[in-house]
Amino acid sequence: MVLWDDNEHTYEYVITMLMDVCKMTPEQAFGHAVEVDAQKKTVVFAGELEHAEHIQDLILNYGPDPLLPASKGSMSATLEG
């Protein structure tokens, strides 16, 4: 599963969301936050399709970043084959 960069979410949001949804450690989540910011995408999950779809659904429904008024919704995540 690929998490895509945007300008509507803070590092804090990305880190918290990845810890909540993907059960990452703070260090792992921070690494992915840096990567998505620098590379514009990061692979946050690899595994069975059913589990990947569940993780994607959680990401897509996580909601806007409360620290940014311009944030209108969740981050984008796509399944890559």
PDB file of N, CA and C in Angstrom:
ATOM      1  N   MET A   1       0.833  -1.168   0.000  1.00  0.00           N
ATOM      2  CA  MET A   1       0.000   0.000   0.000  1.00  0.00           C
ATOM      3  C   MET A   1       0.881   1.235   0.000  1.00  0.00           C
ATOM      4  N   VAL A   2       0.533   2.155  -0.854  1.00  0.00           N
ATOM      5  CA  VAL A   2       1.318   3.385  -0.995  1.00  0.00           C
ATOM      6  C   VAL A   2       0.548   4.549  -0.385  1.00  0.00           C
ATOM      7  N   LEU A   3       1.210   5.288   0.473  1.00  0.00           N
ATOM      8  CA  LEU A   3       0.680   6.526   1.045  1.00  0.00           C
ATOM      9  C   LEU A   3       1.265   7.674   0.235  1.00  0.00           C
ATOM     10  N   TRP A   4       0.402   8.587  -0.209  1.00  0.00           N
ATOM     11  CA  TRP A   4       0.813   9.683  -1.091  1.00  0.00           C
ATOM     12  C   TRP A   4       0.902  11.003  -0.338  1.00  0.00           C
ATOM     13  N   ASP A   5       1.871  11.810  -0.717  1.00  0.00           N
ATOM     14  CA  ASP A   5       2.110  13.113  -0.097  1.00  0.00           C
ATOM     15  C   ASP A   5       1.051  14.128  -0.513  1.00  0.00           C
ATOM     16  N   ASP A   6       0.827  15.086   0.338  1.00  0.00           N
ATOM     17  CA  ASP A   6       0.018  16.262   0.023  1.00  0.00           C
ATOM     18  C   ASP A   6       0.450  17.383   0.953  1.00  0.00           C
ATOM     19  N   ASN A   7      -0.144  18.532   0.803  1.00  0.00           N
ATOM     20  CA  ASN A   7       0.221  19.677   1.645  1.00  0.00           C
ATOM     21  C   ASN A   7      -0.835  19.960   2.710  1.00  0.00           C
ATOM     22  N   GLU A   8      -1.709  18.995   2.962  1.00  0.00           N
ATOM     23  CA  GLU A   8      -2.811  19.209   3.897  1.00  0.00           C
ATOM     24  C   GLU A   8      -2.661  18.436   5.203  1.00  0.00           C
ATOM     25  N   HIS A   9      -1.474  17.856   5.440  1.00  0.00           N
ATOM     26  CA  HIS A   9      -1.284  17.063   6.651  1.00  0.00           C
ATOM     27  C   HIS A   9       0.103  17.307   7.228  1.00  0.00           C
ATOM     28  N   THR A  10       0.168  17.476   8.532  1.00  0.00           N
ATOM     29  CA  THR A  10       1.430  17.727   9.227  1.00  0.00           C
ATOM     30  C   THR A  10       2.162  16.407   9.493  1.00  0.00           C
ATOM     31  N   TYR A  11       3.432  16.536   9.836  1.00  0.00           N
ATOM     32  CA  TYR A  11       4.211  15.368  10.248  1.00  0.00           C
ATOM     33  C   TYR A  11       3.530  14.687  11.434  1.00  0.00           C
ATOM     34  N   GLU A  12       3.023  15.485  12.371  1.00  0.00           N
ATOM     35  CA  GLU A  12       2.377  14.935  13.551  1.00  0.00           C
ATOM     36  C   GLU A  12       1.188  14.058  13.172  1.00  0.00           C
ATOM     37  N   TYR A  13       0.402  14.540  12.210  1.00  0.00           N
ATOM     38  CA  TYR A  13      -0.751  13.768  11.736  1.00  0.00           C
ATOM     39  C   TYR A  13      -0.294  12.449  11.126  1.00  0.00           C
ATOM     40  N   VAL A  14       0.676  12.514  10.221  1.00  0.00           N
ATOM     41  CA  VAL A  14       1.152  11.312   9.531  1.00  0.00           C
ATOM     42  C   VAL A  14       1.686  10.299  10.543  1.00  0.00           C
ATOM     43  N   ILE A  15       2.495  10.772  11.468  1.00  0.00           N
ATOM     44  CA  ILE A  15       3.081   9.877  12.468  1.00  0.00           C
ATOM     45  C   ILE A  15       1.990   9.233  13.330  1.00  0.00           C
ATOM     46  N   THR A  16       1.076  10.033  13.825  1.00  0.00           N
ATOM     47  CA  THR A  16      -0.006   9.507  14.661  1.00  0.00           C
ATOM     48  C   THR A  16      -0.872   8.535  13.886  1.00  0.00           C
ATOM     49  N   MET A  17      -1.231   8.889  12.656  1.00  0.00           N
ATOM     50  CA  MET A  17      -2.075   8.031  11.843  1.00  0.00           C
ATOM     51  C   MET A  17      -1.394   6.689  11.574  1.00  0.00           C
ATOM     52  N   LEU A  18      -0.107   6.706  11.230  1.00  0.00           N
ATOM     53  CA  LEU A  18       0.600   5.453  10.952  1.00  0.00           C
ATOM     54  C   LEU A  18       0.750   4.596  12.215  1.00  0.00           C
ATOM     55  N   MET A  19       0.935   5.241  13.351  1.00  0.00           N
ATOM     56  CA  MET A  19       1.003   4.485  14.611  1.00  0.00           C
ATOM     57  C   MET A  19      -0.352   3.852  14.923  1.00  0.00           C
ATOM     58  N   ASP A  20      -1.430   4.598  14.715  1.00  0.00           N
ATOM     59  CA  ASP A  20      -2.779   4.095  14.998  1.00  0.00           C
ATOM     60  C   ASP A  20      -3.203   3.009  14.009  1.00  0.00           C
ATOM     61  N   VAL A  21      -3.058   3.291  12.739  1.00  0.00           N
ATOM     62  CA  VAL A  21      -3.592   2.427  11.692  1.00  0.00           C
ATOM     63  C   VAL A  21      -2.673   1.248  11.379  1.00  0.00           C
ATOM     64  N   CYS A  22      -1.385   1.514  11.245  1.00  0.00           N
ATOM     65  CA  CYS A  22      -0.437   0.474  10.832  1.00  0.00           C
ATOM     66  C   CYS A  22       0.334  -0.128  12.001  1.00  0.00           C
ATOM     67  N   LYS A  23       0.046   0.357  13.202  1.00  0.00           N
ATOM     68  CA  LYS A  23       0.699  -0.145  14.422  1.00  0.00           C
ATOM     69  C   LYS A  23       2.225  -0.020  14.360  1.00  0.00           C
ATOM     70  N   MET A  24       2.693   1.080  13.766  1.00  0.00           N
ATOM     71  CA  MET A  24       4.134   1.352  13.680  1.00  0.00           C
ATOM     72  C   MET A  24       4.628   1.955  14.981  1.00  0.00           C
ATOM     73  N   THR A  25       5.923   1.807  15.226  1.00  0.00           N
ATOM     74  CA  THR A  25       6.555   2.507  16.332  1.00  0.00           C
ATOM     75  C   THR A  25       6.686   3.982  15.936  1.00  0.00           C
ATOM     76  N   PRO A  26       6.901   4.861  16.912  1.00  0.00           N
ATOM     77  CA  PRO A  26       7.118   6.263  16.557  1.00  0.00           C
ATOM     78  C   PRO A  26       8.287   6.446  15.583  1.00  0.00           C
ATOM     79  N   GLU A  27       9.330   5.666  15.754  1.00  0.00           N
ATOM     80  CA  GLU A  27      10.500   5.781  14.874  1.00  0.00           C
ATOM     81  C   GLU A  27      10.164   5.339  13.461  1.00  0.00           C
ATOM     82  N   GLN A  28       9.441   4.235  13.317  1.00  0.00           N
ATOM     83  CA  GLN A  28       9.038   3.767  11.984  1.00  0.00           C
ATOM     84  C   GLN A  28       8.119   4.791  11.320  1.00  0.00           C
ATOM     85  N   ALA A  29       7.152   5.287  12.059  1.00  0.00           N
ATOM     86  CA  ALA A  29       6.198   6.251  11.521  1.00  0.00           C
ATOM     87  C   ALA A  29       6.910   7.538  11.102  1.00  0.00           C
ATOM     88  N   PHE A  30       7.863   7.997  11.906  1.00  0.00           N
ATOM     89  CA  PHE A  30       8.622   9.191  11.543  1.00  0.00           C
ATOM     90  C   PHE A  30       9.400   8.957  10.252  1.00  0.00           C
ATOM     91  N   GLY A  31      10.002   7.793  10.107  1.00  0.00           N
ATOM     92  CA  GLY A  31      10.739   7.472   8.880  1.00  0.00           C
ATOM     93  C   GLY A  31       9.846   7.527   7.653  1.00  0.00           C
ATOM     94  N   HIS A  32       8.633   7.014   7.772  1.00  0.00           N
ATOM     95  CA  HIS A  32       7.696   7.068   6.649  1.00  0.00           C
ATOM     96  C   HIS A  32       7.217   8.499   6.393  1.00  0.00           C
ATOM     97  N   ALA A  33       7.060   9.290   7.437  1.00  0.00           N
ATOM     98  CA  ALA A  33       6.671  10.696   7.265  1.00  0.00           C
ATOM     99  C   ALA A  33       7.753  11.455   6.501  1.00  0.00           C
ATOM    100  N   VAL A  34       8.995  11.209   6.833  1.00  0.00           N
ATOM    101  CA  VAL A  34      10.105  11.848   6.117  1.00  0.00           C
ATOM    102  C   VAL A  34      10.114  11.386   4.662  1.00  0.00           C
ATOM    103  N   GLU A  35       9.941  10.075   4.454  1.00  0.00           N
ATOM    104  CA  GLU A  35       9.982   9.541   3.091  1.00  0.00           C
ATOM    105  C   GLU A  35       8.835  10.065   2.237  1.00  0.00           C
ATOM    106  N   VAL A  36       7.619  10.107   2.772  1.00  0.00           N
ATOM    107  CA  VAL A  36       6.497  10.594   1.972  1.00  0.00           C
ATOM    108  C   VAL A  36       6.669  12.072   1.650  1.00  0.00           C
ATOM    109  N   ASP A  37       7.277  12.823   2.549  1.00  0.00           N
ATOM    110  CA  ASP A  37       7.533  14.237   2.295  1.00  0.00           C
ATOM    111  C   ASP A  37       8.602  14.423   1.218  1.00  0.00           C
ATOM    112  N   ALA A  38       9.660  13.651   1.289  1.00  0.00           N
ATOM    113  CA  ALA A  38      10.784  13.806   0.348  1.00  0.00           C
ATOM    114  C   ALA A  38      10.526  13.141  -0.999  1.00  0.00           C
ATOM    115  N   GLN A  39       9.934  11.938  -0.973  1.00  0.00           N
ATOM    116  CA  GLN A  39       9.771  11.160  -2.209  1.00  0.00           C
ATOM    117  C   GLN A  39       8.357  11.247  -2.788  1.00  0.00           C
ATOM    118  N   LYS A  40       7.461  11.891  -2.055  1.00  0.00           N
ATOM    119  CA  LYS A  40       6.054  12.070  -2.432  1.00  0.00           C
ATOM    120  C   LYS A  40       5.222  10.808  -2.311  1.00  0.00           C
ATOM    121  N   LYS A  41       5.838   9.709  -1.860  1.00  0.00           N
ATOM    122  CA  LYS A  41       5.095   8.487  -1.568  1.00  0.00           C
ATOM    123  C   LYS A  41       5.947   7.602  -0.681  1.00  0.00           C
ATOM    124  N   THR A  42       5.281   6.671   0.005  1.00  0.00           N
ATOM    125  CA  THR A  42       5.984   5.696   0.826  1.00  0.00           C
ATOM    126  C   THR A  42       5.124   4.444   0.931  1.00  0.00           C
ATOM    127  N   VAL A  43       5.756   3.302   0.928  1.00  0.00           N
ATOM    128  CA  VAL A  43       5.041   2.037   1.084  1.00  0.00           C
ATOM    129  C   VAL A  43       4.866   1.782   2.585  1.00  0.00           C
ATOM    130  N   VAL A  44       3.615   1.759   3.026  1.00  0.00           N
ATOM    131  CA  VAL A  44       3.339   1.623   4.459  1.00  0.00           C
ATOM    132  C   VAL A  44       2.822   0.246   4.843  1.00  0.00           C
ATOM    133  N   PHE A  45       2.470  -0.575   3.851  1.00  0.00           N
ATOM    134  CA  PHE A  45       2.009  -1.926   4.152  1.00  0.00           C
ATOM    135  C   PHE A  45       2.204  -2.814   2.944  1.00  0.00           C
ATOM    136  N   ALA A  46       2.672  -4.015   3.198  1.00  0.00           N
ATOM    137  CA  ALA A  46       2.766  -5.057   2.171  1.00  0.00           C
ATOM    138  C   ALA A  46       2.264  -6.343   2.803  1.00  0.00           C
ATOM    139  N   GLY A  47       1.296  -6.958   2.177  1.00  0.00           N
ATOM    140  CA  GLY A  47       0.747  -8.184   2.735  1.00  0.00           C
ATOM    141  C   GLY A  47      -0.472  -8.640   1.975  1.00  0.00           C
ATOM    142  N   GLU A  48      -1.273  -9.462   2.613  1.00  0.00           N
ATOM    143  CA  GLU A  48      -2.462 -10.021   1.992  1.00  0.00           C
ATOM    144  C   GLU A  48      -3.430  -8.920   1.556  1.00  0.00           C
ATOM    145  N   LEU A  49      -4.069  -9.143   0.411  1.00  0.00           N
ATOM    146  CA  LEU A  49      -4.958  -8.143  -0.175  1.00  0.00           C
ATOM    147  C   LEU A  49      -6.070  -7.723   0.783  1.00  0.00           C
ATOM    148  N   GLU A  50      -6.702  -8.678   1.435  1.00  0.00           N
ATOM    149  CA  GLU A  50      -7.804  -8.342   2.335  1.00  0.00           C
ATOM    150  C   GLU A  50      -7.341  -7.420   3.468  1.00  0.00           C
ATOM    151  N   HIS A  51      -6.178  -7.708   4.037  1.00  0.00           N
ATOM    152  CA  HIS A  51      -5.639  -6.870   5.110  1.00  0.00           C
ATOM    153  C   HIS A  51      -5.241  -5.502   4.554  1.00  0.00           C
ATOM    154  N   ALA A  52      -4.647  -5.484   3.366  1.00  0.00           N
ATOM    155  CA  ALA A  52      -4.257  -4.219   2.732  1.00  0.00           C
ATOM    156  C   ALA A  52      -5.478  -3.343   2.471  1.00  0.00           C
ATOM    157  N   GLU A  53      -6.575  -3.951   2.028  1.00  0.00           N
ATOM    158  CA  GLU A  53      -7.804  -3.189   1.787  1.00  0.00           C
ATOM    159  C   GLU A  53      -8.343  -2.606   3.093  1.00  0.00           C
ATOM    160  N   HIS A  54      -8.229  -3.364   4.167  1.00  0.00           N
ATOM    161  CA  HIS A  54      -8.679  -2.879   5.481  1.00  0.00           C
ATOM    162  C   HIS A  54      -7.827  -1.682   5.930  1.00  0.00           C
ATOM    163  N   ILE A  55      -6.509  -1.801   5.791  1.00  0.00           N
ATOM    164  CA  ILE A  55      -5.604  -0.700   6.157  1.00  0.00           C
ATOM    165  C   ILE A  55      -5.893   0.523   5.303  1.00  0.00           C
ATOM    166  N   GLN A  56      -6.089   0.309   3.999  1.00  0.00           N
ATOM    167  CA  GLN A  56      -6.402   1.419   3.101  1.00  0.00           C
ATOM    168  C   GLN A  56      -7.684   2.123   3.547  1.00  0.00           C
ATOM    169  N   ASP A  57      -8.703   1.355   3.882  1.00  0.00           N
ATOM    170  CA  ASP A  57      -9.964   1.933   4.329  1.00  0.00           C
ATOM    171  C   ASP A  57      -9.772   2.766   5.596  1.00  0.00           C
ATOM    172  N   LEU A  58      -8.977   2.271   6.525  1.00  0.00           N
ATOM    173  CA  LEU A  58      -8.706   3.025   7.758  1.00  0.00           C
ATOM    174  C   LEU A  58      -7.987   4.335   7.456  1.00  0.00           C
ATOM    175  N   ILE A  59      -7.015   4.301   6.549  1.00  0.00           N
ATOM    176  CA  ILE A  59      -6.282   5.522   6.170  1.00  0.00           C
ATOM    177  C   ILE A  59      -7.228   6.514   5.510  1.00  0.00           C
ATOM    178  N   LEU A  60      -8.016   6.032   4.546  1.00  0.00           N
ATOM    179  CA  LEU A  60      -8.906   6.919   3.788  1.00  0.00           C
ATOM    180  C   LEU A  60     -10.017   7.519   4.643  1.00  0.00           C
ATOM    181  N   ASN A  61     -10.285   6.905   5.788  1.00  0.00           N
ATOM    182  CA  ASN A  61     -11.339   7.401   6.675  1.00  0.00           C
ATOM    183  C   ASN A  61     -10.796   7.994   7.973  1.00  0.00           C
ATOM    184  N   TYR A  62      -9.502   8.253   8.026  1.00  0.00           N
ATOM    185  CA  TYR A  62      -8.889   8.756   9.250  1.00  0.00           C
ATOM    186  C   TYR A  62      -9.307  10.195   9.558  1.00  0.00           C
ATOM    187  N   GLY A  63      -9.657  10.930   8.528  1.00  0.00           N
ATOM    188  CA  GLY A  63     -10.152  12.290   8.731  1.00  0.00           C
ATOM    189  C   GLY A  63      -9.107  13.355   8.502  1.00  0.00           C
ATOM    190  N   PRO A  64      -9.537  14.604   8.551  1.00  0.00           N
ATOM    191  CA  PRO A  64      -8.634  15.731   8.311  1.00  0.00           C
ATOM    192  C   PRO A  64      -7.657  15.951   9.469  1.00  0.00           C
ATOM    193  N   ASP A  65      -6.621  16.700   9.176  1.00  0.00           N
ATOM    194  CA  ASP A  65      -5.615  17.056  10.177  1.00  0.00           C
ATOM    195  C   ASP A  65      -6.153  18.207  11.016  1.00  0.00           C
ATOM    196  N   PRO A  66      -6.374  17.993  12.308  1.00  0.00           N
ATOM    197  CA  PRO A  66      -6.928  19.062  13.146  1.00  0.00           C
ATOM    198  C   PRO A  66      -5.980  20.244  13.334  1.00  0.00           C
ATOM    199  N   LEU A  67      -4.695  20.056  13.012  1.00  0.00           N
ATOM    200  CA  LEU A  67      -3.726  21.143  13.167  1.00  0.00           C
ATOM    201  C   LEU A  67      -3.683  22.083  11.958  1.00  0.00           C
ATOM    202  N   LEU A  68      -4.318  21.680  10.852  1.00  0.00           N
ATOM    203  CA  LEU A  68      -4.320  22.508   9.636  1.00  0.00           C
ATOM    204  C   LEU A  68      -5.750  22.803   9.196  1.00  0.00           C
ATOM    205  N   PRO A  69      -6.170  24.050   9.300  1.00  0.00           N
ATOM    206  CA  PRO A  69      -7.525  24.396   8.863  1.00  0.00           C
ATOM    207  C   PRO A  69      -7.782  24.056   7.391  1.00  0.00           C
ATOM    208  N   ALA A  70      -6.738  24.069   6.550  1.00  0.00           N
ATOM    209  CA  ALA A  70      -6.896  23.770   5.124  1.00  0.00           C
ATOM    210  C   ALA A  70      -7.098  22.285   4.852  1.00  0.00           C
ATOM    211  N   SER A  71      -6.871  21.454   5.844  1.00  0.00           N
ATOM    212  CA  SER A  71      -7.010  20.012   5.664  1.00  0.00           C
ATOM    213  C   SER A  71      -8.494  19.659   5.558  1.00  0.00           C
ATOM    214  N   LYS A  72      -8.880  19.109   4.422  1.00  0.00           N
ATOM    215  CA  LYS A  72     -10.291  18.815   4.165  1.00  0.00           C
ATOM    216  C   LYS A  72     -10.652  17.342   4.346  1.00  0.00           C
ATOM    217  N   GLY A  73      -9.638  16.489   4.475  1.00  0.00           N
ATOM    218  CA  GLY A  73      -9.944  15.075   4.618  1.00  0.00           C
ATOM    219  C   GLY A  73      -8.687  14.267   4.871  1.00  0.00           C
ATOM    220  N   SER A  74      -8.831  12.977   4.704  1.00  0.00           N
ATOM    221  CA  SER A  74      -7.746  12.040   4.958  1.00  0.00           C
ATOM    222  C   SER A  74      -6.682  12.084   3.869  1.00  0.00           C
ATOM    223  N   MET A  75      -5.588  11.410   4.119  1.00  0.00           N
ATOM    224  CA  MET A  75      -4.543  11.278   3.117  1.00  0.00           C
ATOM    225  C   MET A  75      -4.986  10.248   2.070  1.00  0.00           C
ATOM    226  N   SER A  76      -4.274  10.227   0.937  1.00  0.00           N
ATOM    227  CA  SER A  76      -4.557   9.267  -0.123  1.00  0.00           C
ATOM    228  C   SER A  76      -3.658   8.051   0.032  1.00  0.00           C
ATOM    229  N   ALA A  77      -4.242   6.886  -0.195  1.00  0.00           N
ATOM    230  CA  ALA A  77      -3.492   5.635  -0.162  1.00  0.00           C
ATOM    231  C   ALA A  77      -4.035   4.730  -1.255  1.00  0.00           C
ATOM    232  N   THR A  78      -3.129   4.113  -2.000  1.00  0.00           N
ATOM    233  CA  THR A  78      -3.559   3.246  -3.085  1.00  0.00           C
ATOM    234  C   THR A  78      -2.911   1.870  -2.943  1.00  0.00           C
ATOM    235  N   LEU A  79      -3.615   0.879  -3.460  1.00  0.00           N
ATOM    236  CA  LEU A  79      -3.089  -0.473  -3.499  1.00  0.00           C
ATOM    237  C   LEU A  79      -2.283  -0.618  -4.782  1.00  0.00           C
ATOM    238  N   GLU A  80      -1.082  -1.113  -4.655  1.00  0.00           N
ATOM    239  CA  GLU A  80      -0.220  -1.316  -5.813  1.00  0.00           C
ATOM    240  C   GLU A  80       0.019  -2.798  -5.964  1.00  0.00           C
ATOM    241  N   GLY A  81      -0.044  -3.266  -7.186  1.00  0.00           N
ATOM    242  CA  GLY A  81       0.067  -4.690  -7.430  1.00  0.00           C
ATOM    243  C   GLY A  81       1.434  -5.133  -7.719  1.00  0.00           C
TER     244      GLY A  81
END
